[in-house]
Amino acid sequence: MYEGALADLVDELGRLPGIGPKSAQRIAFHILGSDKADVDRLAEALRVVKDQVRFCTICGNVSTDDLCRICRDPRRGEEQICVVEEPKDIIAVERTGEFRGRYHVLGGAINPLDGVGPEDLRIKELLQRLRSGETKELIIATDPNTEGEATATYLALMITPMGLTVSRLASGLPVGGDLEYADEVTLGRAFEGRRQI
């Protein structure tokens, strides 16, 4: 449909996660209609993030230093480690203000259909952290989908024999949701995870 530089830009934008062909085309035309200074700022921000942002050597979170701000925080201990799939999941947990421990980013979830096995995740690094003996509870906060459940089950089977408490985030009905629209699995989990009030 397009050729040259515009076609290349649409193709590259379309390779980004969550960006379909129409969104890629819309973004490309937005960039095309933007001031050169705005485009230069965007290009510079992409270069800087690629040059300066790396992964924390302890937990795998994004950071501009060897250690992320959470691993550098002396008020946060290793007694509780929350295991998440991706660094963006840390932001979601942090927004709750409920967790004051440390994190471990796996870098994905077990997904045999996509060729992702346990050896492709940061499980070896997690086990190494747990060997220090400081951790008392491992909270598994993987996504509540097939891959996340498989990963949680795998981790629980590996870590429970180490004598640690292994827990999983509760799942169930969202606040503001209607029972009639809940699927059977979600409603079943809500019943399993019920608590006394």
C-alpha atoms as a PDB file:
ATOM      1  CA  MET A   1       0.000   0.000   0.000  1.00  0.00           C
ATOM      2  CA  TYR A   2       2.800   2.420   0.937  1.00  0.00           C
ATOM      3  CA  GLU A   3       6.371   2.431  -0.224  1.00  0.00           C
ATOM      4  CA  GLY A   4       9.765   3.536   0.908  1.00  0.00           C
ATOM      5  CA  ALA A   5      10.376   5.064   4.320  1.00  0.00           C
ATOM      6  CA  LEU A   6       6.674   5.268   5.237  1.00  0.00           C
ATOM      7  CA  ALA A   7       6.154   1.573   4.500  1.00  0.00           C
ATOM      8  CA  ASP A   8       9.233   0.731   6.580  1.00  0.00           C
ATOM      9  CA  LEU A   9       7.926   2.816   9.489  1.00  0.00           C
ATOM     10  CA  VAL A  10       4.466   1.179   9.357  1.00  0.00           C
ATOM     11  CA  ASP A  11       6.121  -2.280   9.261  1.00  0.00           C
ATOM     12  CA  GLU A  12       8.381  -1.508  12.234  1.00  0.00           C
ATOM     13  CA  LEU A  13       5.537  -0.034  14.308  1.00  0.00           C
ATOM     14  CA  GLY A  14       3.397  -3.074  13.468  1.00  0.00           C
ATOM     15  CA  ARG A  15       6.028  -5.333  15.038  1.00  0.00           C
ATOM     16  CA  LEU A  16       5.439  -3.718  18.449  1.00  0.00           C
ATOM     17  CA  PRO A  17       3.233  -5.711  20.856  1.00  0.00           C
ATOM     18  CA  GLY A  18      -0.400  -4.651  20.844  1.00  0.00           C
ATOM     19  CA  ILE A  19      -0.016  -2.581  17.668  1.00  0.00           C
ATOM     20  CA  GLY A  20      -1.997  -3.919  14.732  1.00  0.00           C
ATOM     21  CA  PRO A  21      -1.734  -2.780  11.113  1.00  0.00           C
ATOM     22  CA  LYS A  22      -4.302   0.032  11.485  1.00  0.00           C
ATOM     23  CA  SER A  23      -2.713   1.365  14.685  1.00  0.00           C
ATOM     24  CA  ALA A  24       0.730   1.213  13.060  1.00  0.00           C
ATOM     25  CA  GLN A  25      -0.591   3.207  10.107  1.00  0.00           C
ATOM     26  CA  ARG A  26      -2.262   5.766  12.408  1.00  0.00           C
ATOM     27  CA  ILE A  27       0.933   6.236  14.465  1.00  0.00           C
ATOM     28  CA  ALA A  28       3.054   6.510  11.309  1.00  0.00           C
ATOM     29  CA  PHE A  29       0.837   9.272   9.936  1.00  0.00           C
ATOM     30  CA  HIS A  30       0.872  11.012  13.309  1.00  0.00           C
ATOM     31  CA  ILE A  31       4.680  10.974  13.246  1.00  0.00           C
ATOM     32  CA  LEU A  32       4.656  12.165   9.641  1.00  0.00           C
ATOM     33  CA  GLY A  33       2.467  15.137  10.611  1.00  0.00           C
ATOM     34  CA  SER A  34       4.450  15.998  13.765  1.00  0.00           C
ATOM     35  CA  ASP A  35       7.062  18.709  14.120  1.00  0.00           C
ATOM     36  CA  LYS A  36      10.632  17.598  13.536  1.00  0.00           C
ATOM     37  CA  ALA A  37      11.497  18.583  17.145  1.00  0.00           C
ATOM     38  CA  ASP A  38       8.803  16.223  18.490  1.00  0.00           C
ATOM     39  CA  VAL A  39      10.062  13.365  16.322  1.00  0.00           C
ATOM     40  CA  ASP A  40      13.656  14.069  17.376  1.00  0.00           C
ATOM     41  CA  ARG A  41      12.632  13.932  21.062  1.00  0.00           C
ATOM     42  CA  LEU A  42      10.912  10.575  20.476  1.00  0.00           C
ATOM     43  CA  ALA A  43      13.934   9.182  18.624  1.00  0.00           C
ATOM     44  CA  GLU A  44      16.275  10.424  21.372  1.00  0.00           C
ATOM     45  CA  ALA A  45      14.083   8.914  24.102  1.00  0.00           C
ATOM     46  CA  LEU A  46      14.235   5.544  22.287  1.00  0.00           C
ATOM     47  CA  ARG A  47      18.034   5.777  21.971  1.00  0.00           C
ATOM     48  CA  VAL A  48      18.494   6.760  25.621  1.00  0.00           C
ATOM     49  CA  VAL A  49      16.260   3.999  26.976  1.00  0.00           C
ATOM     50  CA  LYS A  50      18.116   1.426  24.880  1.00  0.00           C
ATOM     51  CA  ASP A  51      21.515   2.750  25.991  1.00  0.00           C
ATOM     52  CA  GLN A  52      20.819   3.384  29.689  1.00  0.00           C
ATOM     53  CA  VAL A  53      18.110   1.028  30.912  1.00  0.00           C
ATOM     54  CA  ARG A  54      19.116  -2.496  31.913  1.00  0.00           C
ATOM     55  CA  PHE A  55      17.875  -5.210  34.222  1.00  0.00           C
ATOM     56  CA  CYS A  56      18.617  -5.383  37.948  1.00  0.00           C
ATOM     57  CA  THR A  57      21.263  -8.018  38.648  1.00  0.00           C
ATOM     58  CA  ILE A  58      19.288  -9.327  41.650  1.00  0.00           C
ATOM     59  CA  CYS A  59      15.604  -9.285  40.746  1.00  0.00           C
ATOM     60  CA  GLY A  60      15.450  -8.610  37.000  1.00  0.00           C
ATOM     61  CA  ASN A  61      13.460  -5.365  37.287  1.00  0.00           C
ATOM     62  CA  VAL A  62      14.305  -2.491  34.934  1.00  0.00           C
ATOM     63  CA  SER A  63      16.883  -0.055  36.262  1.00  0.00           C
ATOM     64  CA  THR A  64      19.440   2.511  35.211  1.00  0.00           C
ATOM     65  CA  ASP A  65      21.929   1.030  37.717  1.00  0.00           C
ATOM     66  CA  ASP A  66      23.072  -2.503  38.484  1.00  0.00           C
ATOM     67  CA  LEU A  67      20.436  -2.643  41.252  1.00  0.00           C
ATOM     68  CA  CYS A  68      16.888  -1.325  40.953  1.00  0.00           C
ATOM     69  CA  ARG A  69      15.478   1.114  43.525  1.00  0.00           C
ATOM     70  CA  ILE A  70      13.576  -1.691  45.305  1.00  0.00           C
ATOM     71  CA  CYS A  71      16.654  -3.878  45.758  1.00  0.00           C
ATOM     72  CA  ARG A  72      18.618  -0.803  46.952  1.00  0.00           C
ATOM     73  CA  ASP A  73      15.942   0.102  49.533  1.00  0.00           C
ATOM     74  CA  PRO A  74      17.232  -1.034  52.979  1.00  0.00           C
ATOM     75  CA  ARG A  75      13.673  -1.011  54.378  1.00  0.00           C
ATOM     76  CA  ARG A  76      12.698  -3.877  52.089  1.00  0.00           C
ATOM     77  CA  GLY A  77      13.916  -7.303  53.113  1.00  0.00           C
ATOM     78  CA  GLU A  78      14.256 -10.717  51.525  1.00  0.00           C
ATOM     79  CA  GLU A  79      11.773 -12.338  53.976  1.00  0.00           C
ATOM     80  CA  GLN A  80       9.078 -12.142  51.298  1.00  0.00           C
ATOM     81  CA  ILE A  81       9.736 -12.401  47.591  1.00  0.00           C
ATOM     82  CA  CYS A  82       6.957 -11.776  45.099  1.00  0.00           C
ATOM     83  CA  VAL A  83       7.510 -13.615  41.806  1.00  0.00           C
ATOM     84  CA  VAL A  84       6.143 -11.880  38.706  1.00  0.00           C
ATOM     85  CA  GLU A  85       6.376 -12.587  35.003  1.00  0.00           C
ATOM     86  CA  GLU A  86       7.504  -9.174  33.725  1.00  0.00           C
ATOM     87  CA  PRO A  87       8.865  -5.893  35.178  1.00  0.00           C
ATOM     88  CA  LYS A  88       5.566  -4.155  34.362  1.00  0.00           C
ATOM     89  CA  ASP A  89       3.863  -6.481  36.858  1.00  0.00           C
ATOM     90  CA  ILE A  90       5.955  -4.932  39.649  1.00  0.00           C
ATOM     91  CA  ILE A  91       4.366  -1.558  38.915  1.00  0.00           C
ATOM     92  CA  ALA A  92       0.893  -3.074  39.277  1.00  0.00           C
ATOM     93  CA  VAL A  93       1.745  -4.649  42.655  1.00  0.00           C
ATOM     94  CA  GLU A  94       3.491  -1.497  43.893  1.00  0.00           C
ATOM     95  CA  ARG A  95       0.411   0.609  43.133  1.00  0.00           C
ATOM     96  CA  THR A  96      -1.543  -1.380  45.740  1.00  0.00           C
ATOM     97  CA  GLY A  97       0.819  -0.304  48.536  1.00  0.00           C
ATOM     98  CA  GLU A  98       0.249  -3.732  50.145  1.00  0.00           C
ATOM     99  CA  PHE A  99       3.613  -5.410  49.556  1.00  0.00           C
ATOM    100  CA  ARG A 100       6.836  -4.324  51.268  1.00  0.00           C
ATOM    101  CA  GLY A 101       9.131  -7.189  50.320  1.00  0.00           C
ATOM    102  CA  ARG A 102      11.295  -7.753  47.268  1.00  0.00           C
ATOM    103  CA  TYR A 103      10.542  -9.063  43.791  1.00  0.00           C
ATOM    104  CA  HIS A 104      11.821 -11.591  41.317  1.00  0.00           C
ATOM    105  CA  VAL A 105      11.066 -11.209  37.604  1.00  0.00           C
ATOM    106  CA  LEU A 106      10.939 -14.480  35.678  1.00  0.00           C
ATOM    107  CA  GLY A 107      11.019 -12.911  32.239  1.00  0.00           C
ATOM    108  CA  GLY A 108       7.884 -14.699  31.040  1.00  0.00           C
ATOM    109  CA  ALA A 109       5.878 -17.821  31.760  1.00  0.00           C
ATOM    110  CA  ILE A 110       6.118 -21.467  30.801  1.00  0.00           C
ATOM    111  CA  ASN A 111       4.494 -21.856  27.391  1.00  0.00           C
ATOM    112  CA  PRO A 112       5.371 -25.066  25.525  1.00  0.00           C
ATOM    113  CA  LEU A 113       3.380 -24.001  22.448  1.00  0.00           C
ATOM    114  CA  ASP A 114       5.703 -21.011  22.023  1.00  0.00           C
ATOM    115  CA  GLY A 115       8.776 -23.048  22.965  1.00  0.00           C
ATOM    116  CA  VAL A 116       9.233 -21.435  26.402  1.00  0.00           C
ATOM    117  CA  GLY A 117      10.286 -23.919  29.052  1.00  0.00           C
ATOM    118  CA  PRO A 118      11.490 -23.504  32.654  1.00  0.00           C
ATOM    119  CA  GLU A 119      15.090 -23.253  31.454  1.00  0.00           C
ATOM    120  CA  ASP A 120      14.175 -20.110  29.480  1.00  0.00           C
ATOM    121  CA  LEU A 121      13.011 -18.267  32.602  1.00  0.00           C
ATOM    122  CA  ARG A 122      14.989 -16.821  35.535  1.00  0.00           C
ATOM    123  CA  ILE A 123      14.125 -19.772  37.791  1.00  0.00           C
ATOM    124  CA  LYS A 124      17.759 -20.749  38.392  1.00  0.00           C
ATOM    125  CA  GLU A 125      18.441 -17.222  39.685  1.00  0.00           C
ATOM    126  CA  LEU A 126      15.392 -17.445  41.966  1.00  0.00           C
ATOM    127  CA  LEU A 127      16.588 -20.720  43.481  1.00  0.00           C
ATOM    128  CA  GLN A 128      20.009 -19.174  44.058  1.00  0.00           C
ATOM    129  CA  ARG A 129      18.391 -16.277  45.957  1.00  0.00           C
ATOM    130  CA  LEU A 130      16.347 -18.669  48.077  1.00  0.00           C
ATOM    131  CA  ARG A 131      19.423 -20.638  49.141  1.00  0.00           C
ATOM    132  CA  SER A 132      20.552 -17.697  51.301  1.00  0.00           C
ATOM    133  CA  GLY A 133      17.920 -18.738  53.864  1.00  0.00           C
ATOM    134  CA  GLU A 134      16.575 -15.195  54.389  1.00  0.00           C
ATOM    135  CA  THR A 135      13.310 -15.792  52.547  1.00  0.00           C
ATOM    136  CA  LYS A 136      10.374 -17.160  54.531  1.00  0.00           C
ATOM    137  CA  GLU A 137       7.552 -16.740  51.997  1.00  0.00           C
ATOM    138  CA  LEU A 138       7.427 -16.850  48.238  1.00  0.00           C
ATOM    139  CA  ILE A 139       4.359 -15.148  46.775  1.00  0.00           C
ATOM    140  CA  ILE A 140       3.625 -16.273  43.234  1.00  0.00           C
ATOM    141  CA  ALA A 141       1.952 -13.484  41.264  1.00  0.00           C
ATOM    142  CA  THR A 142       1.963 -14.899  37.749  1.00  0.00           C
ATOM    143  CA  ASP A 143      -0.944 -14.125  35.435  1.00  0.00           C
ATOM    144  CA  PRO A 144      -4.164 -16.111  36.046  1.00  0.00           C
ATOM    145  CA  ASN A 145      -4.047 -17.800  32.641  1.00  0.00           C
ATOM    146  CA  THR A 146      -2.908 -21.241  31.476  1.00  0.00           C
ATOM    147  CA  GLU A 147       0.759 -20.238  31.200  1.00  0.00           C
ATOM    148  CA  GLY A 148       0.759 -18.414  34.534  1.00  0.00           C
ATOM    149  CA  GLU A 149      -0.909 -21.358  36.272  1.00  0.00           C
ATOM    150  CA  ALA A 150       1.595 -23.801  34.774  1.00  0.00           C
ATOM    151  CA  THR A 151       4.465 -21.595  35.935  1.00  0.00           C
ATOM    152  CA  ALA A 152       2.977 -21.231  39.440  1.00  0.00           C
ATOM    153  CA  THR A 153       2.492 -24.992  39.755  1.00  0.00           C
ATOM    154  CA  TYR A 154       6.040 -25.678  38.567  1.00  0.00           C
ATOM    155  CA  LEU A 155       7.502 -23.175  41.047  1.00  0.00           C
ATOM    156  CA  ALA A 156       5.406 -24.521  43.922  1.00  0.00           C
ATOM    157  CA  LEU A 157       6.560 -28.092  43.227  1.00  0.00           C
ATOM    158  CA  MET A 158      10.202 -26.991  43.189  1.00  0.00           C
ATOM    159  CA  ILE A 159      10.131 -24.657  46.190  1.00  0.00           C
ATOM    160  CA  THR A 160       7.763 -26.289  48.695  1.00  0.00           C
ATOM    161  CA  PRO A 161      10.334 -29.008  49.569  1.00  0.00           C
ATOM    162  CA  MET A 162      12.729 -26.209  50.599  1.00  0.00           C
ATOM    163  CA  GLY A 163      10.505 -25.542  53.626  1.00  0.00           C
ATOM    164  CA  LEU A 164       9.320 -22.116  52.521  1.00  0.00           C
ATOM    165  CA  THR A 165       5.741 -20.908  52.616  1.00  0.00           C
ATOM    166  CA  VAL A 166       4.564 -20.713  49.020  1.00  0.00           C
ATOM    167  CA  SER A 167       1.417 -18.692  48.357  1.00  0.00           C
ATOM    168  CA  ARG A 168      -0.440 -17.603  45.244  1.00  0.00           C
ATOM    169  CA  LEU A 169      -2.330 -14.376  44.739  1.00  0.00           C
ATOM    170  CA  ALA A 170      -6.066 -14.921  45.081  1.00  0.00           C
ATOM    171  CA  SER A 171      -8.131 -14.651  41.947  1.00  0.00           C
ATOM    172  CA  GLY A 172     -11.830 -14.237  41.483  1.00  0.00           C
ATOM    173  CA  LEU A 173     -14.401 -11.566  40.814  1.00  0.00           C
ATOM    174  CA  PRO A 174     -13.319  -8.030  39.988  1.00  0.00           C
ATOM    175  CA  VAL A 175     -14.676  -5.141  42.031  1.00  0.00           C
ATOM    176  CA  GLY A 176     -17.686  -3.729  40.216  1.00  0.00           C
ATOM    177  CA  GLY A 177     -18.241  -6.926  38.222  1.00  0.00           C
ATOM    178  CA  ASP A 178     -21.548  -8.738  37.855  1.00  0.00           C
ATOM    179  CA  LEU A 179     -21.915 -12.396  38.829  1.00  0.00           C
ATOM    180  CA  GLU A 180     -23.979 -13.175  35.761  1.00  0.00           C
ATOM    181  CA  TYR A 181     -21.060 -12.237  33.466  1.00  0.00           C
ATOM    182  CA  ALA A 182     -18.368 -14.192  35.333  1.00  0.00           C
ATOM    183  CA  ASP A 183     -17.049 -17.327  33.667  1.00  0.00           C
ATOM    184  CA  GLU A 184     -17.112 -20.643  35.527  1.00  0.00           C
ATOM    185  CA  VAL A 185     -13.393 -20.724  36.305  1.00  0.00           C
ATOM    186  CA  THR A 186     -13.349 -17.194  37.742  1.00  0.00           C
ATOM    187  CA  LEU A 187     -16.471 -17.825  39.801  1.00  0.00           C
ATOM    188  CA  GLY A 188     -15.059 -21.158  41.020  1.00  0.00           C
ATOM    189  CA  ARG A 189     -11.831 -19.445  42.121  1.00  0.00           C
ATOM    190  CA  ALA A 190     -13.840 -16.781  43.901  1.00  0.00           C
ATOM    191  CA  PHE A 191     -15.593 -19.512  45.894  1.00  0.00           C
ATOM    192  CA  GLU A 192     -12.290 -21.261  46.680  1.00  0.00           C
ATOM    193  CA  GLY A 193     -10.670 -18.003  47.825  1.00  0.00           C
ATOM    194  CA  ARG A 194     -13.593 -16.766  49.921  1.00  0.00           C
ATOM    195  CA  ARG A 195     -12.834 -15.439  53.381  1.00  0.00           C
ATOM    196  CA  GLN A 196     -14.812 -14.706  56.494  1.00  0.00           C
ATOM    197  CA  ILE A 197     -15.972 -11.109  57.040  1.00  0.00           C
END
